[in-house]
Amino acid sequence: VKAAVSRVLFTQYHLNFNTKGGETKMDPADLALRDANGHLFGTSANGLHSQIPVLDPKSCQYIAYTLSFTNPKTKPYTCVSSTSPLFLGHIKSMHTPKNIQIRPFEVQLAEGYTKNEEACVLIIVNNRTEFDKVQKWRQLIYDLAGLQSSVWNVSLYGDFCLSHKRKDGRSLLED
């Protein structure tokens, strides 16, 4: 009986420290990568490498990690891009990795809704909104009408629904 040849299978995660939307450049210390149990992987500068064990037919393997912004001075709307390639051993040389898929990701530091009793205007934003644009809208609303404003991020909350319950248990209707 001939033994089955083990095929190389792994994935990686690479961060791009040139950002958009808020800050324009981040340092590896500004971001943290954690595993599914919350354990820190080390420096984000190195990205991640995850060896995947041999998979049985019709099975799947999940790889989970969390990216968090750790610098409190990072502006809201800062967007970090990253890629995660998947490598599989070449069919003719099972131990020679071949990049078979690349998945891009973007993670934005979102500004959550904050109840403001004095706000009369609600600015609706999404994951493509940039910090400077929100600041200009806030200033324009104040300069033209003398009104305070709050922000609702439809990408963060998934919708613009007045009855949507946030993590604090309240909705826009209740505020």
Foldseek 3Di string as FASTA:
>chain_A
DDDDDFFWKKKWKAWDQQWDQFDGGDDQVQKFKAFPVRHTPPTCHVTGMGTDGDDDPPDDDDGDMDMDGDDPPTFFLIKIKMKMWIWIQDPVGRHDTDGDDIDMDMDTRHDAWDDDPQAPEEAEAESNHHPVVVVVVQVVCCVVPVGGYTYHYCHVQVHPDQQRQDPVRGGVVRD
